[in-house]
């Protein structure tokens, strides 16, 4: 990942998205980048609540078939 080092009190993100990243966020937000960003934050909050931690691979996340 490129860019300046992270500051904990950052309020704005200014990143250039590549085509794949843009498409993922657009898909999550049904065509709206802002909504997609918030949906991805919501998804991360959910898997974090289920015990996922950043040092784990995403393969460790299990889907139970229940609605989220």
PDB file of N, CA and C in Angstrom:
ATOM      1  N   UNK A   1       0.846  -1.176   0.000  1.00  0.00           N
ATOM      2  CA  UNK A   1       0.000   0.000   0.000  1.00  0.00           C
ATOM      3  C   UNK A   1       0.890   1.236   0.000  1.00  0.00           C
ATOM      4  N   UNK A   2       0.530   2.215  -0.774  1.00  0.00           N
ATOM      5  CA  UNK A   2       1.336   3.427  -0.902  1.00  0.00           C
ATOM      6  C   UNK A   2       0.709   4.568  -0.115  1.00  0.00           C
ATOM      7  N   UNK A   3       1.413   5.659  -0.039  1.00  0.00           N
ATOM      8  CA  UNK A   3       0.877   6.851   0.595  1.00  0.00           C
ATOM      9  C   UNK A   3       1.679   7.237   1.812  1.00  0.00           C
ATOM     10  N   UNK A   4       1.214   8.292   2.450  1.00  0.00           N
ATOM     11  CA  UNK A   4       1.880   8.779   3.653  1.00  0.00           C
ATOM     12  C   UNK A   4       1.627   7.812   4.812  1.00  0.00           C
ATOM     13  N   UNK A   5       2.496   7.857   5.814  1.00  0.00           N
ATOM     14  CA  UNK A   5       2.251   7.044   7.006  1.00  0.00           C
ATOM     15  C   UNK A   5       0.926   7.448   7.664  1.00  0.00           C
ATOM     16  N   UNK A   6       0.292   6.496   8.288  1.00  0.00           N
ATOM     17  CA  UNK A   6      -1.008   6.725   8.925  1.00  0.00           C
ATOM     18  C   UNK A   6      -0.873   7.573  10.189  1.00  0.00           C
ATOM     19  N   UNK A   7      -1.829   8.483  10.377  1.00  0.00           N
ATOM     20  CA  UNK A   7      -1.946   9.226  11.625  1.00  0.00           C
ATOM     21  C   UNK A   7      -3.293   8.843  12.235  1.00  0.00           C
ATOM     22  N   UNK A   8      -3.311   8.577  13.504  1.00  0.00           N
ATOM     23  CA  UNK A   8      -4.528   8.116  14.170  1.00  0.00           C
ATOM     24  C   UNK A   8      -5.667   9.141  14.099  1.00  0.00           C
ATOM     25  N   UNK A   9      -5.353  10.428  14.053  1.00  0.00           N
ATOM     26  CA  UNK A   9      -6.396  11.453  14.052  1.00  0.00           C
ATOM     27  C   UNK A   9      -6.818  11.892  12.647  1.00  0.00           C
ATOM     28  N   UNK A  10      -6.468  11.105  11.630  1.00  0.00           N
ATOM     29  CA  UNK A  10      -6.836  11.437  10.247  1.00  0.00           C
ATOM     30  C   UNK A  10      -8.351  11.475  10.094  1.00  0.00           C
ATOM     31  N   UNK A  11      -8.853  12.486   9.394  1.00  0.00           N
ATOM     32  CA  UNK A  11     -10.294  12.626   9.167  1.00  0.00           C
ATOM     33  C   UNK A  11     -10.665  12.458   7.703  1.00  0.00           C
ATOM     34  N   UNK A  12      -9.688  12.536   6.809  1.00  0.00           N
ATOM     35  CA  UNK A  12      -9.953  12.411   5.378  1.00  0.00           C
ATOM     36  C   UNK A  12      -8.955  11.432   4.777  1.00  0.00           C
ATOM     37  N   UNK A  13      -9.454  10.611   3.869  1.00  0.00           N
ATOM     38  CA  UNK A  13      -8.582   9.711   3.120  1.00  0.00           C
ATOM     39  C   UNK A  13      -8.468  10.240   1.700  1.00  0.00           C
ATOM     40  N   UNK A  14      -7.279  10.298   1.206  1.00  0.00           N
ATOM     41  CA  UNK A  14      -7.057  10.745  -0.164  1.00  0.00           C
ATOM     42  C   UNK A  14      -6.198   9.691  -0.842  1.00  0.00           C
ATOM     43  N   UNK A  15      -6.841   8.739  -1.459  1.00  0.00           N
ATOM     44  CA  UNK A  15      -6.146   7.635  -2.110  1.00  0.00           C
ATOM     45  C   UNK A  15      -6.639   7.512  -3.549  1.00  0.00           C
ATOM     46  N   UNK A  16      -5.740   7.136  -4.431  1.00  0.00           N
ATOM     47  CA  UNK A  16      -6.119   6.852  -5.807  1.00  0.00           C
ATOM     48  C   UNK A  16      -6.465   5.377  -5.890  1.00  0.00           C
ATOM     49  N   UNK A  17      -7.668   5.104  -6.358  1.00  0.00           N
ATOM     50  CA  UNK A  17      -8.130   3.723  -6.477  1.00  0.00           C
ATOM     51  C   UNK A  17      -7.761   3.181  -7.844  1.00  0.00           C
ATOM     52  N   UNK A  18      -7.326   1.921  -7.880  1.00  0.00           N
ATOM     53  CA  UNK A  18      -7.152   1.303  -9.188  1.00  0.00           C
ATOM     54  C   UNK A  18      -8.524   0.795  -9.641  1.00  0.00           C
ATOM     55  N   UNK A  19      -8.616   0.323 -10.859  1.00  0.00           N
ATOM     56  CA  UNK A  19      -9.917  -0.084 -11.408  1.00  0.00           C
ATOM     57  C   UNK A  19     -10.585  -1.177 -10.582  1.00  0.00           C
ATOM     58  N   UNK A  20      -9.807  -2.156 -10.131  1.00  0.00           N
ATOM     59  CA  UNK A  20     -10.382  -3.262  -9.351  1.00  0.00           C
ATOM     60  C   UNK A  20     -10.912  -2.763  -8.005  1.00  0.00           C
ATOM     61  N   UNK A  21     -10.151  -1.907  -7.335  1.00  0.00           N
ATOM     62  CA  UNK A  21     -10.593  -1.357  -6.048  1.00  0.00           C
ATOM     63  C   UNK A  21     -11.863  -0.527  -6.216  1.00  0.00           C
ATOM     64  N   UNK A  22     -11.882   0.300  -7.237  1.00  0.00           N
ATOM     65  CA  UNK A  22     -13.067   1.126  -7.516  1.00  0.00           C
ATOM     66  C   UNK A  22     -14.283   0.249  -7.765  1.00  0.00           C
ATOM     67  N   UNK A  23     -14.092  -0.818  -8.547  1.00  0.00           N
ATOM     68  CA  UNK A  23     -15.214  -1.704  -8.868  1.00  0.00           C
ATOM     69  C   UNK A  23     -15.752  -2.409  -7.627  1.00  0.00           C
ATOM     70  N   UNK A  24     -14.868  -2.829  -6.738  1.00  0.00           N
ATOM     71  CA  UNK A  24     -15.303  -3.482  -5.499  1.00  0.00           C
ATOM     72  C   UNK A  24     -16.156  -2.531  -4.661  1.00  0.00           C
ATOM     73  N   UNK A  25     -15.680  -1.297  -4.503  1.00  0.00           N
ATOM     74  CA  UNK A  25     -16.416  -0.335  -3.682  1.00  0.00           C
ATOM     75  C   UNK A  25     -17.728   0.053  -4.357  1.00  0.00           C
ATOM     76  N   UNK A  26     -17.703   0.229  -5.667  1.00  0.00           N
ATOM     77  CA  UNK A  26     -18.941   0.534  -6.387  1.00  0.00           C
ATOM     78  C   UNK A  26     -19.951  -0.600  -6.268  1.00  0.00           C
ATOM     79  N   UNK A  27     -19.479  -1.829  -6.358  1.00  0.00           N
ATOM     80  CA  UNK A  27     -20.370  -2.981  -6.242  1.00  0.00           C
ATOM     81  C   UNK A  27     -20.988  -3.038  -4.848  1.00  0.00           C
ATOM     82  N   UNK A  28     -20.155  -2.833  -3.822  1.00  0.00           N
ATOM     83  CA  UNK A  28     -20.657  -2.846  -2.443  1.00  0.00           C
ATOM     84  C   UNK A  28     -21.710  -1.768  -2.224  1.00  0.00           C
ATOM     85  N   UNK A  29     -21.556  -0.635  -2.901  1.00  0.00           N
ATOM     86  CA  UNK A  29     -22.480   0.486  -2.731  1.00  0.00           C
ATOM     87  C   UNK A  29     -23.523   0.591  -3.815  1.00  0.00           C
ATOM     88  N   UNK A  30     -23.673  -0.456  -4.618  1.00  0.00           N
ATOM     89  CA  UNK A  30     -24.648  -0.461  -5.711  1.00  0.00           C
ATOM     90  C   UNK A  30     -24.498   0.786  -6.583  1.00  0.00           C
ATOM     91  N   UNK A  31     -23.237   1.064  -6.941  1.00  0.00           N
ATOM     92  CA  UNK A  31     -22.949   2.182  -7.838  1.00  0.00           C
ATOM     93  C   UNK A  31     -22.581   3.485  -7.141  1.00  0.00           C
ATOM     94  N   UNK A  32     -22.577   3.489  -5.815  1.00  0.00           N
ATOM     95  CA  UNK A  32     -22.275   4.696  -5.049  1.00  0.00           C
ATOM     96  C   UNK A  32     -21.020   4.442  -4.212  1.00  0.00           C
ATOM     97  N   UNK A  33     -19.929   5.181  -4.517  1.00  0.00           N
ATOM     98  CA  UNK A  33     -18.663   4.969  -3.800  1.00  0.00           C
ATOM     99  C   UNK A  33     -18.793   5.235  -2.296  1.00  0.00           C
ATOM    100  N   UNK A  34     -19.507   6.267  -1.916  1.00  0.00           N
ATOM    101  CA  UNK A  34     -19.659   6.571  -0.486  1.00  0.00           C
ATOM    102  C   UNK A  34     -20.400   5.463   0.241  1.00  0.00           C
ATOM    103  N   UNK A  35     -21.503   5.026  -0.338  1.00  0.00           N
ATOM    104  CA  UNK A  35     -22.268   3.932   0.281  1.00  0.00           C
ATOM    105  C   UNK A  35     -21.428   2.658   0.319  1.00  0.00           C
ATOM    106  N   UNK A  36     -20.680   2.402  -0.738  1.00  0.00           N
ATOM    107  CA  UNK A  36     -19.829   1.220  -0.781  1.00  0.00           C
ATOM    108  C   UNK A  36     -18.778   1.246   0.301  1.00  0.00           C
ATOM    109  N   UNK A  37     -18.156   2.396   0.503  1.00  0.00           N
ATOM    110  CA  UNK A  37     -17.148   2.543   1.556  1.00  0.00           C
ATOM    111  C   UNK A  37     -17.766   2.227   2.914  1.00  0.00           C
ATOM    112  N   UNK A  38     -18.962   2.767   3.163  1.00  0.00           N
ATOM    113  CA  UNK A  38     -19.627   2.525   4.440  1.00  0.00           C
ATOM    114  C   UNK A  38     -20.051   1.060   4.590  1.00  0.00           C
ATOM    115  N   UNK A  39     -20.468   0.425   3.506  1.00  0.00           N
ATOM    116  CA  UNK A  39     -20.823  -0.995   3.559  1.00  0.00           C
ATOM    117  C   UNK A  39     -19.599  -1.846   3.887  1.00  0.00           C
ATOM    118  N   UNK A  40     -18.449  -1.508   3.312  1.00  0.00           N
ATOM    119  CA  UNK A  40     -17.228  -2.261   3.610  1.00  0.00           C
ATOM    120  C   UNK A  40     -16.810  -2.061   5.064  1.00  0.00           C
ATOM    121  N   UNK A  41     -16.987  -0.859   5.601  1.00  0.00           N
ATOM    122  CA  UNK A  41     -16.707  -0.630   7.023  1.00  0.00           C
ATOM    123  C   UNK A  41     -17.653  -1.458   7.891  1.00  0.00           C
ATOM    124  N   UNK A  42     -18.915  -1.514   7.496  1.00  0.00           N
ATOM    125  CA  UNK A  42     -19.907  -2.309   8.222  1.00  0.00           C
ATOM    126  C   UNK A  42     -19.539  -3.797   8.189  1.00  0.00           C
ATOM    127  N   UNK A  43     -19.105  -4.266   7.029  1.00  0.00           N
ATOM    128  CA  UNK A  43     -18.692  -5.661   6.886  1.00  0.00           C
ATOM    129  C   UNK A  43     -17.485  -5.959   7.773  1.00  0.00           C
ATOM    130  N   UNK A  44     -16.495  -5.066   7.770  1.00  0.00           N
ATOM    131  CA  UNK A  44     -15.319  -5.279   8.610  1.00  0.00           C
ATOM    132  C   UNK A  44     -15.726  -5.294  10.086  1.00  0.00           C
ATOM    133  N   UNK A  45     -16.587  -4.378  10.500  1.00  0.00           N
ATOM    134  CA  UNK A  45     -17.031  -4.357  11.894  1.00  0.00           C
ATOM    135  C   UNK A  45     -17.687  -5.683  12.258  1.00  0.00           C
ATOM    136  N   UNK A  46     -18.449  -6.250  11.330  1.00  0.00           N
ATOM    137  CA  UNK A  46     -19.116  -7.529  11.582  1.00  0.00           C
ATOM    138  C   UNK A  46     -18.098  -8.655  11.756  1.00  0.00           C
ATOM    139  N   UNK A  47     -17.164  -8.804  10.821  1.00  0.00           N
ATOM    140  CA  UNK A  47     -16.208  -9.914  10.929  1.00  0.00           C
ATOM    141  C   UNK A  47     -15.276  -9.702  12.127  1.00  0.00           C
ATOM    142  N   UNK A  48     -14.971  -8.453  12.464  1.00  0.00           N
ATOM    143  CA  UNK A  48     -14.169  -8.186  13.660  1.00  0.00           C
ATOM    144  C   UNK A  48     -14.932  -8.648  14.901  1.00  0.00           C
ATOM    145  N   UNK A  49     -16.220  -8.382  14.929  1.00  0.00           N
ATOM    146  CA  UNK A  49     -17.060  -8.835  16.033  1.00  0.00           C
ATOM    147  C   UNK A  49     -17.134 -10.349  16.137  1.00  0.00           C
ATOM    148  N   UNK A  50     -16.905 -11.024  15.018  1.00  0.00           N
ATOM    149  CA  UNK A  50     -16.911 -12.487  14.988  1.00  0.00           C
ATOM    150  C   UNK A  50     -15.542 -13.074  15.333  1.00  0.00           C
ATOM    151  N   UNK A  51     -14.558 -12.218  15.602  1.00  0.00           N
ATOM    152  CA  UNK A  51     -13.254 -12.688  16.028  1.00  0.00           C
ATOM    153  C   UNK A  51     -12.126 -12.508  15.029  1.00  0.00           C
ATOM    154  N   UNK A  52     -12.422 -12.036  13.823  1.00  0.00           N
ATOM    155  CA  UNK A  52     -11.362 -11.815  12.827  1.00  0.00           C
ATOM    156  C   UNK A  52     -10.449 -10.693  13.286  1.00  0.00           C
ATOM    157  N   UNK A  53      -9.146 -10.875  13.058  1.00  0.00           N
ATOM    158  CA  UNK A  53      -8.162  -9.837  13.359  1.00  0.00           C
ATOM    159  C   UNK A  53      -7.264  -9.626  12.141  1.00  0.00           C
ATOM    160  N   UNK A  54      -6.724  -8.415  11.955  1.00  0.00           N
ATOM    161  CA  UNK A  54      -5.980  -8.071  10.741  1.00  0.00           C
ATOM    162  C   UNK A  54      -4.820  -9.002  10.408  1.00  0.00           C
ATOM    163  N   UNK A  55      -4.205  -9.614  11.401  1.00  0.00           N
ATOM    164  CA  UNK A  55      -3.071 -10.495  11.113  1.00  0.00           C
ATOM    165  C   UNK A  55      -3.508 -11.848  10.544  1.00  0.00           C
ATOM    166  N   UNK A  56      -4.801 -12.118  10.544  1.00  0.00           N
ATOM    167  CA  UNK A  56      -5.317 -13.376   9.999  1.00  0.00           C
ATOM    168  C   UNK A  56      -5.565 -13.231   8.502  1.00  0.00           C
ATOM    169  N   UNK A  57      -5.562 -14.363   7.809  1.00  0.00           N
ATOM    170  CA  UNK A  57      -5.931 -14.325   6.395  1.00  0.00           C
ATOM    171  C   UNK A  57      -7.462 -14.282   6.301  1.00  0.00           C
ATOM    172  N   UNK A  58      -7.968 -13.772   5.205  1.00  0.00           N
ATOM    173  CA  UNK A  58      -9.418 -13.715   5.036  1.00  0.00           C
ATOM    174  C   UNK A  58     -10.029 -15.103   4.912  1.00  0.00           C
ATOM    175  N   UNK A  59      -9.219 -16.093   4.575  1.00  0.00           N
ATOM    176  CA  UNK A  59      -9.718 -17.454   4.492  1.00  0.00           C
ATOM    177  C   UNK A  59     -10.188 -17.954   5.859  1.00  0.00           C
ATOM    178  N   UNK A  60      -9.750 -17.301   6.935  1.00  0.00           N
ATOM    179  CA  UNK A  60     -10.168 -17.720   8.273  1.00  0.00           C
ATOM    180  C   UNK A  60     -11.596 -17.275   8.589  1.00  0.00           C
ATOM    181  N   UNK A  61     -12.175 -16.400   7.771  1.00  0.00           N
ATOM    182  CA  UNK A  61     -13.540 -15.931   7.986  1.00  0.00           C
ATOM    183  C   UNK A  61     -14.479 -16.987   7.420  1.00  0.00           C
ATOM    184  N   UNK A  62     -15.406 -17.425   8.267  1.00  0.00           N
ATOM    185  CA  UNK A  62     -16.378 -18.431   7.851  1.00  0.00           C
ATOM    186  C   UNK A  62     -17.751 -17.817   7.733  1.00  0.00           C
ATOM    187  N   UNK A  63     -18.478 -18.237   6.709  1.00  0.00           N
ATOM    188  CA  UNK A  63     -19.842 -17.779   6.490  1.00  0.00           C
ATOM    189  C   UNK A  63     -20.781 -18.849   7.002  1.00  0.00           C
ATOM    190  N   UNK A  64     -21.693 -18.482   7.886  1.00  0.00           N
ATOM    191  CA  UNK A  64     -22.567 -19.459   8.513  1.00  0.00           C
ATOM    192  C   UNK A  64     -23.844 -19.711   7.718  1.00  0.00           C
ATOM    193  N   UNK A  65     -24.120 -18.898   6.718  1.00  0.00           N
ATOM    194  CA  UNK A  65     -25.359 -19.047   5.970  1.00  0.00           C
ATOM    195  C   UNK A  65     -26.486 -18.225   6.566  1.00  0.00           C
ATOM    196  N   UNK A  66     -26.264 -17.625   7.721  1.00  0.00           N
ATOM    197  CA  UNK A  66     -27.275 -16.761   8.327  1.00  0.00           C
ATOM    198  C   UNK A  66     -27.194 -15.393   7.682  1.00  0.00           C
ATOM    199  N   UNK A  67     -28.281 -14.668   7.711  1.00  0.00           N
ATOM    200  CA  UNK A  67     -28.209 -13.335   7.111  1.00  0.00           C
ATOM    201  C   UNK A  67     -27.449 -12.394   8.020  1.00  0.00           C
ATOM    202  N   UNK A  68     -26.755 -11.477   7.390  1.00  0.00           N
ATOM    203  CA  UNK A  68     -25.895 -10.539   8.103  1.00  0.00           C
ATOM    204  C   UNK A  68     -26.501  -9.173   8.096  1.00  0.00           C
TER     205      UNK A  68
END
